[in-house]
C-alpha atoms as a PDB file:
ATOM      1  CA  MET A   1     -44.630   1.603   3.621  1.00  0.00           C
ATOM      2  CA  ILE A   2     -46.410  -0.245   6.469  1.00  0.00           C
ATOM      3  CA  ASN A   3     -44.441  -2.575   8.776  1.00  0.00           C
ATOM      4  CA  TYR A   4     -46.134  -5.771   9.903  1.00  0.00           C
ATOM      5  CA  SER A   5     -45.117  -8.001  12.766  1.00  0.00           C
ATOM      6  CA  LYS A   6     -43.897 -11.499  12.059  1.00  0.00           C
ATOM      7  CA  GLU A   7     -47.142 -12.830  13.526  1.00  0.00           C
ATOM      8  CA  VAL A   8     -49.275 -10.838  11.069  1.00  0.00           C
ATOM      9  CA  GLU A   9     -46.999 -11.634   8.091  1.00  0.00           C
ATOM     10  CA  HIS A  10     -47.590 -15.361   8.663  1.00  0.00           C
ATOM     11  CA  MET A  11     -51.310 -15.044   8.774  1.00  0.00           C
ATOM     12  CA  CYS A  12     -53.431 -16.158   5.777  1.00  0.00           C
ATOM     13  CA  VAL A  13     -55.745 -13.646   4.151  1.00  0.00           C
ATOM     14  CA  VAL A  14     -59.449 -13.743   5.105  1.00  0.00           C
ATOM     15  CA  ALA A  15     -61.694 -11.860   2.685  1.00  0.00           C
ATOM     16  CA  LYS A  16     -63.523  -8.770   4.121  1.00  0.00           C
ATOM     17  CA  GLY A  17     -67.308  -8.904   4.021  1.00  0.00           C
ATOM     18  CA  PRO A  18     -69.698  -5.968   3.281  1.00  0.00           C
ATOM     19  CA  ASN A  19     -68.580  -2.466   4.093  1.00  0.00           C
ATOM     20  CA  HIS A  20     -71.474  -0.103   4.706  1.00  0.00           C
ATOM     21  CA  GLY A  21     -69.277   2.900   5.414  1.00  0.00           C
ATOM     22  CA  PRO A  22     -69.908   5.370   8.246  1.00  0.00           C
ATOM     23  CA  ALA A  23     -73.380   5.943   9.734  1.00  0.00           C
ATOM     24  CA  PRO A  24     -74.955   9.057   8.230  1.00  0.00           C
ATOM     25  CA  ILE A  25     -75.232  12.117  10.444  1.00  0.00           C
ATOM     26  CA  PRO A  26     -77.602  15.079  10.096  1.00  0.00           C
ATOM     27  CA  GLU A  27     -75.927  18.172   8.634  1.00  0.00           C
ATOM     28  CA  GLU A  28     -77.872  21.296   7.517  1.00  0.00           C
ATOM     29  CA  GLY A  29     -80.913  19.422   6.562  1.00  0.00           C
ATOM     30  CA  LYS A  30     -79.141  16.448   4.886  1.00  0.00           C
ATOM     31  CA  TRP A  31     -77.939  13.025   5.902  1.00  0.00           C
ATOM     32  CA  VAL A  32     -74.236  12.835   5.251  1.00  0.00           C
ATOM     33  CA  LYS A  33     -71.751   9.940   5.454  1.00  0.00           C
ATOM     34  CA  ALA A  34     -68.758  11.942   6.534  1.00  0.00           C
ATOM     35  CA  LYS A  35     -65.286  10.557   5.524  1.00  0.00           C
ATOM     36  CA  GLU A  36     -63.276  13.645   5.192  1.00  0.00           C
ATOM     37  CA  VAL A  37     -63.109  16.887   7.160  1.00  0.00           C
ATOM     38  CA  SER A  38     -64.523  18.639   4.125  1.00  0.00           C
ATOM     39  CA  ASP A  39     -67.710  16.650   4.460  1.00  0.00           C
ATOM     40  CA  ILE A  40     -68.634  18.532   7.727  1.00  0.00           C
ATOM     41  CA  SER A  41     -70.853  21.642   7.870  1.00  0.00           C
ATOM     42  CA  ALA A  42     -72.507  22.913  11.073  1.00  0.00           C
ATOM     43  CA  PHE A  43     -73.276  25.783  13.317  1.00  0.00           C
ATOM     44  CA  THR A  44     -73.173  25.215  17.015  1.00  0.00           C
ATOM     45  CA  HIS A  45     -72.155  26.266  20.521  1.00  0.00           C
ATOM     46  CA  GLY A  46     -70.027  24.737  23.250  1.00  0.00           C
ATOM     47  CA  VAL A  47     -68.740  25.596  26.727  1.00  0.00           C
ATOM     48  CA  GLY A  48     -65.191  25.026  28.059  1.00  0.00           C
ATOM     49  CA  TRP A  49     -63.512  25.586  31.372  1.00  0.00           C
ATOM     50  CA  CYS A  50     -59.828  25.900  32.589  1.00  0.00           C
ATOM     51  CA  ALA A  51     -58.155  23.451  34.926  1.00  0.00           C
ATOM     52  CA  PRO A  52     -58.749  25.434  38.127  1.00  0.00           C
ATOM     53  CA  GLN A  53     -62.317  26.188  36.788  1.00  0.00           C
ATOM     54  CA  GLN A  54     -61.934  29.864  37.648  1.00  0.00           C
ATOM     55  CA  GLY A  55     -63.335  30.865  34.232  1.00  0.00           C
ATOM     56  CA  ALA A  56     -65.437  29.597  31.379  1.00  0.00           C
ATOM     57  CA  CYS A  57     -65.677  30.125  27.604  1.00  0.00           C
ATOM     58  CA  LYS A  58     -68.769  29.861  25.365  1.00  0.00           C
ATOM     59  CA  LEU A  59     -67.552  29.270  21.773  1.00  0.00           C
ATOM     60  CA  SER A  60     -69.828  29.452  18.673  1.00  0.00           C
ATOM     61  CA  LEU A  61     -68.625  28.234  15.272  1.00  0.00           C
ATOM     62  CA  ASN A  62     -70.100  28.263  11.809  1.00  0.00           C
ATOM     63  CA  VAL A  63     -68.388  25.525   9.732  1.00  0.00           C
ATOM     64  CA  LYS A  64     -68.946  25.186   6.029  1.00  0.00           C
ATOM     65  CA  ASN A  65     -67.296  22.287   4.152  1.00  0.00           C
ATOM     66  CA  GLY A  66     -64.895  21.666   7.022  1.00  0.00           C
ATOM     67  CA  ILE A  67     -63.651  25.275   7.235  1.00  0.00           C
ATOM     68  CA  ILE A  68     -64.488  27.594  10.137  1.00  0.00           C
ATOM     69  CA  GLU A  69     -66.025  30.581   8.516  1.00  0.00           C
ATOM     70  CA  GLU A  70     -67.269  32.340  11.647  1.00  0.00           C
ATOM     71  CA  ALA A  71     -66.233  32.306  15.346  1.00  0.00           C
ATOM     72  CA  LEU A  72     -67.762  33.947  18.343  1.00  0.00           C
ATOM     73  CA  VAL A  73     -65.806  33.719  21.628  1.00  0.00           C
ATOM     74  CA  GLU A  74     -67.440  34.818  24.849  1.00  0.00           C
ATOM     75  CA  THR A  75     -65.708  34.510  28.193  1.00  0.00           C
ATOM     76  CA  ILE A  76     -66.526  35.087  31.912  1.00  0.00           C
ATOM     77  CA  GLY A  77     -64.670  34.946  35.213  1.00  0.00           C
ATOM     78  CA  CYS A  78     -61.024  35.381  34.102  1.00  0.00           C
ATOM     79  CA  SER A  79     -59.504  38.646  32.889  1.00  0.00           C
ATOM     80  CA  GLY A  80     -56.661  36.803  31.114  1.00  0.00           C
ATOM     81  CA  MET A  81     -59.157  34.742  29.175  1.00  0.00           C
ATOM     82  CA  THR A  82     -60.726  37.854  27.526  1.00  0.00           C
ATOM     83  CA  HIS A  83     -57.354  38.646  26.053  1.00  0.00           C
ATOM     84  CA  SER A  84     -56.896  35.011  24.982  1.00  0.00           C
ATOM     85  CA  ALA A  85     -60.381  35.154  23.323  1.00  0.00           C
ATOM     86  CA  ALA A  86     -59.230  38.233  21.230  1.00  0.00           C
ATOM     87  CA  MET A  87     -56.368  36.061  19.846  1.00  0.00           C
ATOM     88  CA  ALA A  88     -58.627  32.948  19.346  1.00  0.00           C
ATOM     89  CA  ALA A  89     -61.242  34.934  17.404  1.00  0.00           C
ATOM     90  CA  GLU A  90     -58.445  35.930  14.986  1.00  0.00           C
ATOM     91  CA  ILE A  91     -56.897  32.448  14.881  1.00  0.00           C
ATOM     92  CA  LEU A  92     -59.987  30.287  14.315  1.00  0.00           C
ATOM     93  CA  PRO A  93     -61.596  31.523  11.069  1.00  0.00           C
ATOM     94  CA  GLY A  94     -60.077  29.857   8.027  1.00  0.00           C
ATOM     95  CA  LYS A  95     -58.901  26.698   9.794  1.00  0.00           C
ATOM     96  CA  THR A  96     -60.362  23.263   9.321  1.00  0.00           C
ATOM     97  CA  ILE A  97     -62.101  21.935  12.353  1.00  0.00           C
ATOM     98  CA  LEU A  98     -59.260  19.356  12.728  1.00  0.00           C
ATOM     99  CA  GLU A  99     -56.641  22.155  12.479  1.00  0.00           C
ATOM    100  CA  ALA A 100     -58.582  24.139  15.163  1.00  0.00           C
ATOM    101  CA  LEU A 101     -58.840  21.120  17.431  1.00  0.00           C
ATOM    102  CA  ASN A 102     -55.016  20.783  17.295  1.00  0.00           C
ATOM    103  CA  THR A 103     -54.240  24.513  17.599  1.00  0.00           C
ATOM    104  CA  ASP A 104     -53.168  26.174  20.831  1.00  0.00           C
ATOM    105  CA  LEU A 105     -56.027  28.646  21.395  1.00  0.00           C
ATOM    106  CA  VAL A 106     -54.023  30.251  24.235  1.00  0.00           C
ATOM    107  CA  CYS A 107     -56.349  29.493  27.082  1.00  0.00           C
ATOM    108  CA  ASP A 108     -57.367  26.065  28.434  1.00  0.00           C
ATOM    109  CA  ALA A 109     -61.025  27.131  28.600  1.00  0.00           C
ATOM    110  CA  ILE A 110     -61.129  27.995  24.921  1.00  0.00           C
ATOM    111  CA  ASN A 111     -59.253  24.848  23.957  1.00  0.00           C
ATOM    112  CA  THR A 112     -61.766  22.774  26.022  1.00  0.00           C
ATOM    113  CA  ALA A 113     -64.667  24.567  24.302  1.00  0.00           C
ATOM    114  CA  MET A 114     -63.136  23.761  20.943  1.00  0.00           C
ATOM    115  CA  ARG A 115     -62.991  20.011  21.953  1.00  0.00           C
ATOM    116  CA  GLU A 116     -66.624  19.981  23.026  1.00  0.00           C
ATOM    117  CA  LEU A 117     -67.680  21.709  19.727  1.00  0.00           C
ATOM    118  CA  PHE A 118     -65.599  19.240  17.654  1.00  0.00           C
ATOM    119  CA  LEU A 119     -67.500  16.362  19.321  1.00  0.00           C
ATOM    120  CA  GLN A 120     -70.889  17.954  18.655  1.00  0.00           C
ATOM    121  CA  ILE A 121     -70.067  18.786  15.107  1.00  0.00           C
ATOM    122  CA  VAL A 122     -68.506  15.477  13.973  1.00  0.00           C
ATOM    123  CA  TYR A 123     -71.342  13.442  15.520  1.00  0.00           C
ATOM    124  CA  GLY A 124     -74.129  15.510  13.982  1.00  0.00           C
ATOM    125  CA  ARG A 125     -75.327  17.125  17.193  1.00  0.00           C
ATOM    126  CA  SER A 126     -75.095  20.684  15.960  1.00  0.00           C
ATOM    127  CA  GLN A 127     -77.734  23.498  16.243  1.00  0.00           C
ATOM    128  CA  SER A 128     -78.147  23.552  12.419  1.00  0.00           C
ATOM    129  CA  ALA A 129     -78.420  19.796  12.007  1.00  0.00           C
ATOM    130  CA  PHE A 130     -81.915  19.891  10.567  1.00  0.00           C
ATOM    131  CA  SER A 131     -81.854  23.396   9.118  1.00  0.00           C
ATOM    132  CA  ASP A 132     -81.789  23.380   5.317  1.00  0.00           C
ATOM    133  CA  ASP A 133     -78.511  24.862   4.127  1.00  0.00           C
ATOM    134  CA  GLY A 134     -77.553  25.629   7.699  1.00  0.00           C
ATOM    135  CA  LEU A 135     -77.215  29.181   9.027  1.00  0.00           C
ATOM    136  CA  SER A 136     -75.677  32.045   7.119  1.00  0.00           C
ATOM    137  CA  ILE A 137     -72.362  33.578   8.151  1.00  0.00           C
ATOM    138  CA  GLY A 138     -73.275  36.258  10.682  1.00  0.00           C
ATOM    139  CA  ALA A 139     -75.552  33.959  12.716  1.00  0.00           C
ATOM    140  CA  GLY A 140     -73.154  34.407  15.688  1.00  0.00           C
ATOM    141  CA  LEU A 141     -73.847  38.133  15.750  1.00  0.00           C
ATOM    142  CA  GLU A 142     -77.569  37.511  15.581  1.00  0.00           C
ATOM    143  CA  ASP A 143     -77.211  35.383  18.708  1.00  0.00           C
ATOM    144  CA  LEU A 144     -75.964  38.554  20.555  1.00  0.00           C
ATOM    145  CA  GLY A 145     -78.898  40.699  19.607  1.00  0.00           C
ATOM    146  CA  LYS A 146     -79.022  44.319  18.373  1.00  0.00           C
ATOM    147  CA  GLY A 147     -76.475  45.575  20.954  1.00  0.00           C
ATOM    148  CA  ALA A 148     -73.874  43.016  19.942  1.00  0.00           C
ATOM    149  CA  ARG A 149     -73.263  42.232  23.626  1.00  0.00           C
ATOM    150  CA  SER A 150     -73.043  38.919  25.436  1.00  0.00           C
ATOM    151  CA  GLN A 151     -76.023  38.144  27.682  1.00  0.00           C
ATOM    152  CA  VAL A 152     -74.552  37.928  31.202  1.00  0.00           C
ATOM    153  CA  GLY A 153     -76.213  37.210  34.553  1.00  0.00           C
ATOM    154  CA  THR A 154     -74.380  37.903  37.833  1.00  0.00           C
ATOM    155  CA  MET A 155     -76.192  37.190  41.114  1.00  0.00           C
ATOM    156  CA  TYR A 156     -74.726  37.020  44.575  1.00  0.00           C
ATOM    157  CA  GLY A 157     -76.326  35.797  47.799  1.00  0.00           C
ATOM    158  CA  THR A 158     -75.490  35.147  51.420  1.00  0.00           C
ATOM    159  CA  LYS A 159     -77.381  33.383  54.198  1.00  0.00           C
ATOM    160  CA  ALA A 160     -76.997  36.408  56.462  1.00  0.00           C
ATOM    161  CA  LYS A 161     -77.987  39.174  53.992  1.00  0.00           C
ATOM    162  CA  GLY A 162     -79.895  37.550  51.121  1.00  0.00           C
ATOM    163  CA  VAL A 163     -79.646  37.966  47.425  1.00  0.00           C
ATOM    164  CA  ARG A 164     -78.206  40.718  45.272  1.00  0.00           C
ATOM    165  CA  TYR A 165     -79.013  41.074  41.552  1.00  0.00           C
ATOM    166  CA  LEU A 166     -75.897  42.650  39.844  1.00  0.00           C
ATOM    167  CA  GLU A 167     -76.328  42.011  36.170  1.00  0.00           C
ATOM    168  CA  MET A 168     -79.233  40.710  34.085  1.00  0.00           C
ATOM    169  CA  ALA A 169     -79.668  39.944  30.349  1.00  0.00           C
ATOM    170  CA  GLU A 170     -81.202  43.445  30.111  1.00  0.00           C
ATOM    171  CA  GLY A 171     -78.203  45.143  31.607  1.00  0.00           C
ATOM    172  CA  TYR A 172     -76.461  46.506  34.726  1.00  0.00           C
ATOM    173  CA  VAL A 173     -78.802  46.382  37.723  1.00  0.00           C
ATOM    174  CA  THR A 174     -78.992  49.771  39.390  1.00  0.00           C
ATOM    175  CA  ARG A 175     -81.703  49.161  42.031  1.00  0.00           C
ATOM    176  CA  MET A 176     -83.703  46.280  43.474  1.00  0.00           C
ATOM    177  CA  ALA A 177     -87.292  46.734  44.653  1.00  0.00           C
ATOM    178  CA  LEU A 178     -88.442  45.023  47.921  1.00  0.00           C
ATOM    179  CA  ASP A 179     -91.896  44.650  49.298  1.00  0.00           C
ATOM    180  CA  GLU A 180     -93.043  45.131  52.893  1.00  0.00           C
ATOM    181  CA  ASN A 181     -91.464  41.746  53.795  1.00  0.00           C
ATOM    182  CA  ASN A 182     -88.178  42.742  52.239  1.00  0.00           C
ATOM    183  CA  GLN A 183     -88.593  40.192  49.389  1.00  0.00           C
ATOM    184  CA  VAL A 184     -87.437  41.028  45.924  1.00  0.00           C
ATOM    185  CA  ILE A 185     -90.342  42.010  43.559  1.00  0.00           C
ATOM    186  CA  GLY A 186     -88.460  43.720  40.735  1.00  0.00           C
ATOM    187  CA  TYR A 187     -85.348  45.596  39.669  1.00  0.00           C
ATOM    188  CA  GLU A 188     -84.166  48.532  37.642  1.00  0.00           C
ATOM    189  CA  PHE A 189     -81.464  48.262  35.101  1.00  0.00           C
ATOM    190  CA  VAL A 190     -79.469  50.409  32.662  1.00  0.00           C
ATOM    191  CA  SER A 191     -78.673  48.978  29.153  1.00  0.00           C
ATOM    192  CA  LEU A 192     -74.983  49.857  28.825  1.00  0.00           C
ATOM    193  CA  GLY A 193     -74.994  49.022  25.166  1.00  0.00           C
ATOM    194  CA  LYS A 194     -77.896  51.403  24.458  1.00  0.00           C
ATOM    195  CA  MET A 195     -76.314  54.130  26.644  1.00  0.00           C
ATOM    196  CA  THR A 196     -73.020  53.933  24.756  1.00  0.00           C
ATOM    197  CA  ASP A 197     -74.820  54.149  21.457  1.00  0.00           C
ATOM    198  CA  PHE A 198     -76.762  57.233  22.656  1.00  0.00           C
ATOM    199  CA  ILE A 199     -73.503  58.875  23.701  1.00  0.00           C
ATOM    200  CA  LYS A 200     -71.913  58.018  20.305  1.00  0.00           C
ATOM    201  CA  LYS A 201     -74.836  59.739  18.667  1.00  0.00           C
ATOM    202  CA  GLY A 202     -74.248  62.916  20.640  1.00  0.00           C
ATOM    203  CA  ASP A 203     -76.278  62.651  23.808  1.00  0.00           C
ATOM    204  CA  ASP A 204     -74.671  63.789  27.022  1.00  0.00           C
ATOM    205  CA  PRO A 205     -74.035  61.017  29.524  1.00  0.00           C
ATOM    206  CA  THR A 206     -76.857  61.945  31.874  1.00  0.00           C
ATOM    207  CA  THR A 207     -79.382  62.001  29.117  1.00  0.00           C
ATOM    208  CA  ALA A 208     -78.093  58.822  27.628  1.00  0.00           C
ATOM    209  CA  TYR A 209     -78.204  57.190  31.039  1.00  0.00           C
ATOM    210  CA  ASN A 210     -81.792  58.090  31.662  1.00  0.00           C
ATOM    211  CA  LYS A 211     -82.930  57.061  28.193  1.00  0.00           C
ATOM    212  CA  SER A 212     -81.347  53.623  28.777  1.00  0.00           C
ATOM    213  CA  LEU A 213     -83.061  52.933  32.027  1.00  0.00           C
ATOM    214  CA  GLY A 214     -85.747  50.190  32.309  1.00  0.00           C
ATOM    215  CA  HIS A 215     -87.332  47.964  34.963  1.00  0.00           C
ATOM    216  CA  TYR A 216     -88.750  44.493  35.371  1.00  0.00           C
ATOM    217  CA  GLY A 217     -91.379  42.981  37.631  1.00  0.00           C
ATOM    218  CA  ARG A 218     -93.415  44.984  40.057  1.00  0.00           C
ATOM    219  CA  PHE A 219     -90.686  47.620  40.426  1.00  0.00           C
ATOM    220  CA  ASP A 220     -93.177  50.415  40.828  1.00  0.00           C
ATOM    221  CA  ASP A 221     -94.803  48.669  43.811  1.00  0.00           C
ATOM    222  CA  GLY A 222     -91.626  48.525  45.849  1.00  0.00           C
ATOM    223  CA  LYS A 223     -91.778  49.662  49.500  1.00  0.00           C
ATOM    224  CA  THR A 224     -87.967  49.889  49.629  1.00  0.00           C
ATOM    225  CA  TYR A 225     -85.282  50.323  46.931  1.00  0.00           C
ATOM    226  CA  ILE A 226     -81.714  49.309  47.372  1.00  0.00           C
ATOM    227  CA  ASP A 227     -78.495  49.591  45.506  1.00  0.00           C
ATOM    228  CA  PRO A 228     -77.314  45.942  45.271  1.00  0.00           C
ATOM    229  CA  ARG A 229     -73.640  46.995  45.207  1.00  0.00           C
ATOM    230  CA  LYS A 230     -73.700  49.299  48.256  1.00  0.00           C
ATOM    231  CA  GLN A 231     -76.576  48.196  50.510  1.00  0.00           C
END
């Protein structure tokens, strides 16, 4: 039962003209006039942050017919957020995107990421907007690569002492190579994912460590090598 004010009750009826419905949005290679939550399908990513902005969350969702079938939660900068992410990754799958938008996902950054994703998805701005039939469930893991690890970059610099490379997409930086002018020309890294896999297969830690080392740039041409965490 809808209640109308007296002013509206006394108005005469004016016939409504053409109704073209919602504008179509691109979804998995189709143009869809979305009217219900179940009309939405998409795979996409979004980033959220907490109120003090001390940490951030990258959230990836794979939505089929309005239901979240897959969720990947990646966090940085806040230890508490990693535990919240564990809960969110359990909470999100199986919910409609509207339910998820109105669910407490424990951490402000994760809730903000969910809001940003919702806007992308319902406006047809998803990663899979023009991909026929979208992306299969498991696309989130493919985004992580073979080691199933988030790609993290951590760099630190000061005016007095210059830059320090701490973590690259390839892994944990062990040494930086400097030329005769003390400028960076390369770095050595250890892939922690690979090292762990070698140890699980039976290698001793030293062997696993050495097998997981790599370098980038003109590392071999370095005049000086420094440990970025201690020098």
